Amino acid sequence: MSAIGGVAGIALALALGRLLQSLLYRLEGDDPVAFVLSLAVLAAVAFAASYVPVLRASRVDPVEALRYE
């Protein structure tokens, strides 16, 4: 899900950057360093947010989890 959001976000940022570049003076709307850095930070946050729940879920026995409900 984060990969899909990252790709959609980069596409929208490029489109809006070009639009704003044509409207504002001396604005660069396609800085690749900013795009890569923001994508890397968001990927690290998504990994960190999902690591603990995945670790806890992997330690539960599947049969026990099915019997719980």
Protein backbone atom coordinates (compact mmCIF):
# COMPACT_ATOMS: atom_id res chain seq x y z
CA MET A 1 0.00 0.00 0.00
CA SER A 2 2.82 2.38 0.76
CA ALA A 3 4.45 1.63 -2.60
CA ILE A 4 1.22 2.47 -4.44
CA GLY A 5 0.87 5.65 -2.40
CA GLY A 6 4.49 6.56 -3.07
CA VAL A 7 4.13 6.15 -6.82
CA ALA A 8 0.87 8.11 -6.87
CA GLY A 9 2.38 10.82 -4.70
CA ILE A 10 5.45 11.19 -6.89
CA ALA A 11 3.28 11.40 -10.02
CA LEU A 12 1.05 14.06 -8.48
CA ALA A 13 4.03 15.99 -7.14
CA LEU A 14 5.64 16.04 -10.58
CA ALA A 15 2.41 17.22 -12.21
CA LEU A 16 1.77 19.92 -9.64
CA GLY A 17 5.43 20.93 -9.66
CA ARG A 18 5.32 21.59 -13.37
CA LEU A 19 2.09 23.55 -13.00
CA LEU A 20 3.52 25.70 -10.23
CA GLN A 21 6.79 26.10 -12.11
CA SER A 22 4.90 27.74 -14.95
CA LEU A 23 3.08 30.06 -12.54
CA LEU A 24 5.83 31.08 -10.12
CA TYR A 25 9.14 32.72 -10.91
CA ARG A 26 12.36 30.73 -10.24
CA LEU A 27 10.65 27.66 -8.81
CA GLU A 28 12.01 24.24 -9.64
CA GLY A 29 9.23 21.68 -9.53
CA ASP A 30 11.21 18.57 -10.36
CA ASP A 31 14.00 18.21 -7.82
CA PRO A 32 14.96 14.49 -7.89
CA VAL A 33 16.88 14.66 -4.60
CA ALA A 34 13.79 15.92 -2.76
CA PHE A 35 11.61 13.22 -4.31
CA VAL A 36 14.00 10.39 -3.49
CA LEU A 37 14.63 11.65 0.03
CA SER A 38 10.94 12.07 0.82
CA LEU A 39 10.14 8.64 -0.61
CA ALA A 40 12.92 7.06 1.47
CA VAL A 41 11.71 8.75 4.66
CA LEU A 42 8.12 7.67 4.07
CA ALA A 43 9.22 4.10 3.34
CA ALA A 44 11.23 4.01 6.57
CA VAL A 45 8.26 5.31 8.56
CA ALA A 46 5.94 2.74 6.99
CA PHE A 47 8.41 -0.04 7.78
CA ALA A 48 8.85 1.13 11.36
CA ALA A 49 5.10 1.43 11.90
CA SER A 50 4.39 -2.08 10.65
CA TYR A 51 7.39 -3.91 12.10
CA VAL A 52 6.13 -4.39 15.66
CA PRO A 53 2.60 -5.58 14.72
CA VAL A 54 4.01 -8.00 12.17
CA LEU A 55 6.48 -9.36 14.70
CA ARG A 56 3.74 -9.88 17.29
CA ALA A 57 1.41 -11.52 14.76
CA SER A 58 4.10 -13.90 13.57
CA ARG A 59 4.56 -15.27 17.08
CA VAL A 60 0.91 -16.37 17.45
CA ASP A 61 0.04 -19.96 16.61
CA PRO A 62 -2.43 -19.94 13.66
CA VAL A 63 -4.62 -22.68 15.17
CA GLU A 64 -4.86 -20.77 18.44
CA ALA A 65 -5.79 -17.58 16.60
CA LEU A 66 -8.54 -19.36 14.68
CA ARG A 67 -9.96 -20.93 17.83
CA TYR A 68 -10.01 -17.57 19.59
CA GLU A 69 -12.80 -16.29 17.40
